[in-house]
Amino acid sequence: MPLVRIDVNEGRTPSQLGDLSKRVHDAILAEYGIPERDYFHIITEHPVGQIVAQDAGLGFERSSDVVMIQIFTQGGRAREAKQSLYAAIAARLSEIGIAGEDVFLGYVENTAEDWSFGFGRAQYVTGELAVPAQ
């Protein structure tokens, strides 16, 4: 469980999108040690012009290959763990030609009671799932 949303401009093949998703997942697996089947990704393609991603004043340009990633997960991980995850994601995406300046990441934390994996129940609260260790 984290839930990952990936937004990109149109133009990548289904295989490229799958590889992008798998590389993000592999980085999360390696850095956070979550179970392999905690794989929840939503990939959305947008027509060119619907993603606006400037540099926040850092002095670089992004290309149309920008990848915007939102990670929703339970709170409690150390700052260093998050920074290590960001670096691992950027490194894995660079292996498939996505430049570091084109990787934008937003990280959103919540609690165990904020998740339902089906059937209208909060499985971490009901005890159907063990709350992941941080």
N, C-alpha and C. Protein backbone atom coordinates (compact mmCIF):
# COMPACT_ATOMS: atom_id res chain seq x y z
N MET A 1 0.83 -1.17 0.00
CA MET A 1 0.00 0.00 0.00
C MET A 1 0.86 1.22 0.00
N PRO A 2 1.47 1.75 -0.84
CA PRO A 2 0.99 3.08 -1.16
C PRO A 2 0.12 3.02 -2.41
N LEU A 3 -0.68 4.06 -2.52
CA LEU A 3 -1.43 4.29 -3.75
C LEU A 3 -0.63 5.30 -4.55
N VAL A 4 -0.33 4.96 -5.81
CA VAL A 4 0.52 5.81 -6.64
C VAL A 4 -0.28 6.26 -7.86
N ARG A 5 -0.31 7.55 -8.07
CA ARG A 5 -0.91 8.13 -9.28
C ARG A 5 0.23 8.65 -10.14
N ILE A 6 0.19 8.29 -11.42
CA ILE A 6 1.22 8.73 -12.36
C ILE A 6 0.52 9.43 -13.51
N ASP A 7 0.88 10.68 -13.75
CA ASP A 7 0.30 11.47 -14.84
C ASP A 7 1.40 11.78 -15.84
N VAL A 8 1.09 11.53 -17.12
CA VAL A 8 2.03 11.77 -18.20
C VAL A 8 1.29 12.36 -19.40
N ASN A 9 2.04 12.97 -20.30
CA ASN A 9 1.47 13.39 -21.58
C ASN A 9 1.30 12.17 -22.46
N GLU A 10 0.32 12.23 -23.36
CA GLU A 10 0.10 11.14 -24.31
C GLU A 10 1.33 10.92 -25.16
N GLY A 11 1.48 9.69 -25.65
CA GLY A 11 2.56 9.42 -26.59
C GLY A 11 3.41 8.22 -26.24
N ARG A 12 3.29 7.71 -25.02
CA ARG A 12 4.04 6.52 -24.66
C ARG A 12 3.23 5.28 -25.03
N THR A 13 3.92 4.20 -25.32
CA THR A 13 3.25 2.95 -25.64
C THR A 13 2.76 2.30 -24.34
N PRO A 14 1.82 1.35 -24.44
CA PRO A 14 1.41 0.61 -23.24
C PRO A 14 2.60 -0.07 -22.55
N SER A 15 3.53 -0.58 -23.32
CA SER A 15 4.71 -1.22 -22.74
C SER A 15 5.57 -0.21 -21.96
N GLN A 16 5.74 0.99 -22.52
CA GLN A 16 6.51 2.03 -21.83
C GLN A 16 5.81 2.46 -20.54
N LEU A 17 4.48 2.57 -20.59
CA LEU A 17 3.74 2.95 -19.38
C LEU A 17 3.87 1.87 -18.31
N GLY A 18 3.79 0.61 -18.74
CA GLY A 18 3.94 -0.49 -17.79
C GLY A 18 5.32 -0.51 -17.16
N ASP A 19 6.34 -0.25 -17.97
CA ASP A 19 7.72 -0.21 -17.47
C ASP A 19 7.90 0.94 -16.48
N LEU A 20 7.34 2.08 -16.81
CA LEU A 20 7.42 3.24 -15.92
C LEU A 20 6.81 2.89 -14.56
N SER A 21 5.60 2.33 -14.58
CA SER A 21 4.91 1.94 -13.35
C SER A 21 5.72 0.92 -12.56
N LYS A 22 6.23 -0.09 -13.24
CA LYS A 22 6.99 -1.15 -12.57
C LYS A 22 8.25 -0.60 -11.94
N ARG A 23 8.90 0.33 -12.58
CA ARG A 23 10.12 0.91 -12.01
C ARG A 23 9.83 1.73 -10.75
N VAL A 24 8.72 2.46 -10.76
CA VAL A 24 8.32 3.19 -9.56
C VAL A 24 8.02 2.18 -8.44
N HIS A 25 7.27 1.13 -8.77
CA HIS A 25 6.94 0.11 -7.78
C HIS A 25 8.19 -0.57 -7.24
N ASP A 26 9.12 -0.91 -8.13
CA ASP A 26 10.36 -1.56 -7.69
C ASP A 26 11.16 -0.67 -6.74
N ALA A 27 11.16 0.63 -6.99
CA ALA A 27 11.86 1.55 -6.09
C ALA A 27 11.19 1.56 -4.71
N ILE A 28 9.86 1.55 -4.69
CA ILE A 28 9.14 1.52 -3.41
C ILE A 28 9.42 0.21 -2.68
N LEU A 29 9.40 -0.90 -3.41
CA LEU A 29 9.71 -2.20 -2.80
C LEU A 29 11.09 -2.18 -2.17
N ALA A 30 12.07 -1.70 -2.91
CA ALA A 30 13.45 -1.70 -2.43
C ALA A 30 13.65 -0.78 -1.24
N GLU A 31 13.04 0.39 -1.28
CA GLU A 31 13.28 1.38 -0.23
C GLU A 31 12.42 1.16 1.01
N TYR A 32 11.20 0.69 0.83
CA TYR A 32 10.27 0.58 1.96
C TYR A 32 10.00 -0.86 2.39
N GLY A 33 10.42 -1.83 1.58
CA GLY A 33 10.24 -3.21 1.96
C GLY A 33 8.78 -3.65 2.06
N ILE A 34 7.93 -3.06 1.24
CA ILE A 34 6.52 -3.44 1.26
C ILE A 34 6.34 -4.76 0.51
N PRO A 35 5.23 -5.46 0.72
CA PRO A 35 4.99 -6.70 -0.03
C PRO A 35 4.82 -6.43 -1.53
N GLU A 36 5.26 -7.36 -2.35
CA GLU A 36 5.18 -7.24 -3.81
C GLU A 36 3.78 -6.92 -4.30
N ARG A 37 2.76 -7.52 -3.67
CA ARG A 37 1.38 -7.34 -4.14
C ARG A 37 0.73 -6.07 -3.59
N ASP A 38 1.44 -5.28 -2.86
CA ASP A 38 0.95 -3.95 -2.48
C ASP A 38 1.24 -3.02 -3.65
N TYR A 39 0.56 -3.29 -4.75
CA TYR A 39 0.84 -2.61 -6.02
C TYR A 39 -0.48 -1.98 -6.47
N PHE A 40 -0.61 -0.67 -6.21
CA PHE A 40 -1.82 0.08 -6.54
C PHE A 40 -1.41 1.33 -7.29
N HIS A 41 -1.47 1.29 -8.62
CA HIS A 41 -1.07 2.42 -9.46
C HIS A 41 -2.21 2.82 -10.38
N ILE A 42 -2.34 4.10 -10.57
CA ILE A 42 -3.27 4.67 -11.55
C ILE A 42 -2.43 5.51 -12.49
N ILE A 43 -2.45 5.15 -13.77
CA ILE A 43 -1.69 5.89 -14.77
C ILE A 43 -2.69 6.64 -15.65
N THR A 44 -2.50 7.93 -15.76
CA THR A 44 -3.39 8.76 -16.57
C THR A 44 -2.57 9.50 -17.61
N GLU A 45 -3.00 9.35 -18.86
CA GLU A 45 -2.39 10.10 -19.95
C GLU A 45 -3.23 11.33 -20.25
N HIS A 46 -2.55 12.42 -20.55
CA HIS A 46 -3.22 13.69 -20.83
C HIS A 46 -2.81 14.21 -22.20
N PRO A 47 -3.73 14.87 -22.89
CA PRO A 47 -3.34 15.56 -24.13
C PRO A 47 -2.27 16.62 -23.79
N VAL A 48 -1.34 16.80 -24.72
CA VAL A 48 -0.29 17.81 -24.52
C VAL A 48 -0.96 19.15 -24.20
N GLY A 49 -0.45 19.81 -23.19
CA GLY A 49 -0.98 21.09 -22.76
C GLY A 49 -1.81 21.00 -21.50
N GLN A 50 -2.17 19.78 -21.08
CA GLN A 50 -2.98 19.65 -19.87
C GLN A 50 -2.15 19.45 -18.61
N ILE A 51 -0.87 19.22 -18.77
CA ILE A 51 0.03 19.16 -17.61
C ILE A 51 0.89 20.41 -17.65
N VAL A 52 0.84 21.17 -16.59
CA VAL A 52 1.71 22.34 -16.45
C VAL A 52 2.65 22.03 -15.30
N ALA A 53 3.94 21.99 -15.58
CA ALA A 53 4.94 21.63 -14.57
C ALA A 53 6.18 22.49 -14.77
N GLN A 54 6.19 23.63 -14.13
CA GLN A 54 7.35 24.50 -14.24
C GLN A 54 8.38 24.11 -13.19
N ASP A 55 9.40 24.92 -13.00
CA ASP A 55 10.54 24.54 -12.17
C ASP A 55 10.51 25.10 -10.75
N ALA A 56 9.44 25.78 -10.36
CA ALA A 56 9.33 26.39 -9.03
C ALA A 56 10.46 27.38 -8.76
N GLY A 57 11.06 27.91 -9.81
CA GLY A 57 12.14 28.88 -9.65
C GLY A 57 13.52 28.27 -9.51
N LEU A 58 13.67 26.99 -9.80
CA LEU A 58 14.96 26.32 -9.63
C LEU A 58 15.90 26.48 -10.82
N GLY A 59 15.40 27.03 -11.93
CA GLY A 59 16.26 27.36 -13.05
C GLY A 59 16.49 26.26 -14.07
N PHE A 60 15.53 25.40 -14.30
CA PHE A 60 15.66 24.39 -15.35
C PHE A 60 14.35 24.28 -16.11
N GLU A 61 14.40 23.64 -17.25
CA GLU A 61 13.21 23.43 -18.08
C GLU A 61 12.84 21.95 -18.06
N ARG A 62 11.56 21.69 -18.04
CA ARG A 62 11.07 20.32 -18.18
C ARG A 62 10.70 20.08 -19.64
N SER A 63 10.70 18.83 -20.05
CA SER A 63 10.30 18.49 -21.41
C SER A 63 8.86 17.99 -21.41
N SER A 64 8.36 17.64 -22.57
CA SER A 64 7.02 17.07 -22.65
C SER A 64 6.98 15.65 -22.12
N ASP A 65 8.14 15.09 -21.75
CA ASP A 65 8.20 13.75 -21.15
C ASP A 65 8.02 13.78 -19.64
N VAL A 66 7.60 14.90 -19.09
CA VAL A 66 7.42 15.03 -17.65
C VAL A 66 6.56 13.90 -17.10
N VAL A 67 6.93 13.40 -15.93
CA VAL A 67 6.18 12.37 -15.22
C VAL A 67 5.85 12.94 -13.84
N MET A 68 4.57 13.09 -13.58
CA MET A 68 4.14 13.62 -12.29
C MET A 68 3.61 12.47 -11.46
N ILE A 69 4.21 12.26 -10.30
CA ILE A 69 3.91 11.11 -9.45
C ILE A 69 3.39 11.61 -8.11
N GLN A 70 2.28 11.06 -7.69
CA GLN A 70 1.76 11.31 -6.34
C GLN A 70 1.76 9.99 -5.59
N ILE A 71 2.33 9.99 -4.40
CA ILE A 71 2.37 8.79 -3.57
C ILE A 71 1.56 9.07 -2.31
N PHE A 72 0.52 8.27 -2.11
CA PHE A 72 -0.33 8.37 -0.93
C PHE A 72 0.00 7.17 -0.04
N THR A 73 0.43 7.42 1.18
CA THR A 73 0.85 6.33 2.07
C THR A 73 0.69 6.73 3.52
N GLN A 74 0.78 5.75 4.41
CA GLN A 74 0.66 6.05 5.83
C GLN A 74 1.88 6.84 6.31
N GLY A 75 1.62 7.74 7.23
CA GLY A 75 2.68 8.57 7.78
C GLY A 75 3.59 7.79 8.70
N GLY A 76 4.73 8.39 9.00
CA GLY A 76 5.63 7.82 9.99
C GLY A 76 7.03 7.52 9.49
N ARG A 77 7.25 7.61 8.19
CA ARG A 77 8.59 7.33 7.69
C ARG A 77 9.49 8.55 7.88
N ALA A 78 10.73 8.29 8.13
CA ALA A 78 11.71 9.35 8.37
C ALA A 78 11.96 10.16 7.10
N ARG A 79 12.36 11.39 7.30
CA ARG A 79 12.72 12.27 6.18
C ARG A 79 13.75 11.61 5.27
N GLU A 80 14.73 10.94 5.88
CA GLU A 80 15.79 10.30 5.11
C GLU A 80 15.23 9.18 4.23
N ALA A 81 14.26 8.43 4.74
CA ALA A 81 13.64 7.35 3.96
C ALA A 81 12.91 7.92 2.76
N LYS A 82 12.21 9.01 2.94
CA LYS A 82 11.49 9.64 1.83
C LYS A 82 12.48 10.15 0.79
N GLN A 83 13.54 10.81 1.24
CA GLN A 83 14.53 11.33 0.29
C GLN A 83 15.21 10.20 -0.47
N SER A 84 15.45 9.10 0.20
CA SER A 84 16.04 7.94 -0.45
C SER A 84 15.08 7.37 -1.50
N LEU A 85 13.79 7.35 -1.19
CA LEU A 85 12.79 6.89 -2.15
C LEU A 85 12.76 7.79 -3.38
N TYR A 86 12.76 9.10 -3.18
CA TYR A 86 12.74 10.03 -4.31
C TYR A 86 13.94 9.78 -5.23
N ALA A 87 15.11 9.62 -4.63
CA ALA A 87 16.32 9.38 -5.42
C ALA A 87 16.24 8.05 -6.16
N ALA A 88 15.71 7.02 -5.50
CA ALA A 88 15.60 5.70 -6.13
C ALA A 88 14.63 5.74 -7.31
N ILE A 89 13.52 6.45 -7.17
CA ILE A 89 12.57 6.56 -8.28
C ILE A 89 13.23 7.29 -9.45
N ALA A 90 13.88 8.40 -9.19
CA ALA A 90 14.53 9.15 -10.26
C ALA A 90 15.60 8.30 -10.94
N ALA A 91 16.37 7.55 -10.17
CA ALA A 91 17.43 6.71 -10.75
C ALA A 91 16.84 5.62 -11.63
N ARG A 92 15.79 4.97 -11.18
CA ARG A 92 15.18 3.90 -11.97
C ARG A 92 14.53 4.44 -13.24
N LEU A 93 13.94 5.62 -13.15
CA LEU A 93 13.33 6.21 -14.34
C LEU A 93 14.39 6.70 -15.32
N SER A 94 15.54 7.12 -14.81
CA SER A 94 16.61 7.55 -15.71
C SER A 94 17.09 6.39 -16.58
N GLU A 95 16.97 5.17 -16.08
CA GLU A 95 17.39 3.99 -16.83
C GLU A 95 16.53 3.77 -18.09
N ILE A 96 15.35 4.37 -18.13
CA ILE A 96 14.50 4.25 -19.32
C ILE A 96 14.37 5.60 -20.03
N GLY A 97 15.34 6.48 -19.78
CA GLY A 97 15.45 7.71 -20.54
C GLY A 97 14.64 8.89 -20.02
N ILE A 98 14.11 8.80 -18.81
CA ILE A 98 13.37 9.93 -18.24
C ILE A 98 14.34 10.77 -17.42
N ALA A 99 14.54 12.00 -17.86
CA ALA A 99 15.52 12.90 -17.24
C ALA A 99 15.07 13.29 -15.83
N GLY A 100 16.02 13.53 -14.97
CA GLY A 100 15.73 13.90 -13.59
C GLY A 100 14.85 15.12 -13.47
N GLU A 101 15.03 16.10 -14.38
CA GLU A 101 14.20 17.30 -14.31
C GLU A 101 12.76 17.03 -14.72
N ASP A 102 12.51 15.86 -15.32
CA ASP A 102 11.15 15.50 -15.73
C ASP A 102 10.43 14.62 -14.72
N VAL A 103 11.04 14.40 -13.55
CA VAL A 103 10.41 13.59 -12.50
C VAL A 103 9.95 14.53 -11.39
N PHE A 104 8.64 14.67 -11.27
CA PHE A 104 8.02 15.51 -10.24
C PHE A 104 7.28 14.58 -9.29
N LEU A 105 7.54 14.73 -7.99
CA LEU A 105 6.96 13.84 -7.00
C LEU A 105 6.24 14.61 -5.90
N GLY A 106 5.03 14.18 -5.58
CA GLY A 106 4.30 14.70 -4.42
C GLY A 106 4.02 13.54 -3.48
N TYR A 107 4.24 13.72 -2.20
CA TYR A 107 4.13 12.66 -1.21
C TYR A 107 3.08 13.07 -0.19
N VAL A 108 2.05 12.25 -0.03
CA VAL A 108 0.93 12.59 0.84
C VAL A 108 0.78 11.50 1.90
N GLU A 109 0.80 11.89 3.17
CA GLU A 109 0.69 10.92 4.26
C GLU A 109 -0.71 10.94 4.88
N ASN A 110 -1.11 9.78 5.40
CA ASN A 110 -2.38 9.65 6.10
C ASN A 110 -2.22 8.59 7.19
N THR A 111 -3.34 8.07 7.70
CA THR A 111 -3.28 7.09 8.79
C THR A 111 -3.95 5.78 8.37
N ALA A 112 -3.83 4.77 9.19
CA ALA A 112 -4.40 3.45 8.91
C ALA A 112 -5.91 3.52 8.71
N GLU A 113 -6.58 4.39 9.40
CA GLU A 113 -8.04 4.48 9.29
C GLU A 113 -8.50 5.12 7.98
N ASP A 114 -7.57 5.62 7.18
CA ASP A 114 -7.90 6.30 5.93
C ASP A 114 -7.93 5.37 4.72
N TRP A 115 -7.86 4.05 4.93
CA TRP A 115 -7.79 3.09 3.83
C TRP A 115 -8.90 2.06 3.92
N SER A 116 -9.52 1.79 2.77
CA SER A 116 -10.44 0.66 2.62
C SER A 116 -10.03 -0.08 1.35
N PHE A 117 -9.76 -1.37 1.47
CA PHE A 117 -9.33 -2.17 0.33
C PHE A 117 -10.48 -2.95 -0.29
N GLY A 118 -11.69 -2.64 0.14
CA GLY A 118 -12.88 -3.28 -0.43
C GLY A 118 -13.90 -3.60 0.64
N PHE A 119 -15.10 -3.88 0.20
CA PHE A 119 -16.21 -4.32 1.05
C PHE A 119 -16.67 -3.26 2.06
N GLY A 120 -16.25 -2.01 1.85
CA GLY A 120 -16.69 -0.94 2.74
C GLY A 120 -16.12 -1.00 4.14
N ARG A 121 -14.99 -1.69 4.29
CA ARG A 121 -14.37 -1.80 5.62
C ARG A 121 -12.97 -1.21 5.59
N ALA A 122 -12.56 -0.67 6.71
CA ALA A 122 -11.18 -0.19 6.89
C ALA A 122 -10.38 -1.35 7.47
N GLN A 123 -9.77 -2.16 6.60
CA GLN A 123 -9.16 -3.42 7.01
C GLN A 123 -8.02 -3.28 8.01
N TYR A 124 -7.34 -2.16 8.01
CA TYR A 124 -6.31 -1.95 9.02
C TYR A 124 -6.95 -1.73 10.39
N VAL A 125 -8.11 -1.12 10.41
CA VAL A 125 -8.82 -0.86 11.67
C VAL A 125 -9.50 -2.13 12.17
N THR A 126 -10.12 -2.90 11.26
CA THR A 126 -10.83 -4.12 11.66
C THR A 126 -9.88 -5.26 12.01
N GLY A 127 -8.62 -5.14 11.64
CA GLY A 127 -7.65 -6.19 11.91
C GLY A 127 -7.54 -7.22 10.79
N GLU A 128 -8.29 -7.04 9.71
CA GLU A 128 -8.18 -7.96 8.56
C GLU A 128 -6.81 -7.87 7.91
N LEU A 129 -6.18 -6.71 7.99
CA LEU A 129 -4.81 -6.51 7.53
C LEU A 129 -3.98 -5.96 8.68
N ALA A 130 -2.75 -6.40 8.77
CA ALA A 130 -1.84 -5.85 9.77
C ALA A 130 -1.36 -4.49 9.30
N VAL A 131 -1.28 -3.55 10.19
CA VAL A 131 -0.77 -2.22 9.84
C VAL A 131 0.71 -2.37 9.49
N PRO A 132 1.12 -1.90 8.31
CA PRO A 132 2.53 -2.07 7.91
C PRO A 132 3.48 -1.40 8.89
N ALA A 133 4.60 -2.04 9.09
CA ALA A 133 5.65 -1.45 9.93
C ALA A 133 6.29 -0.30 9.16
N GLN A 134 6.68 0.71 9.85
CA GLN A 134 7.35 1.84 9.23
C GLN A 134 8.80 1.53 9.16
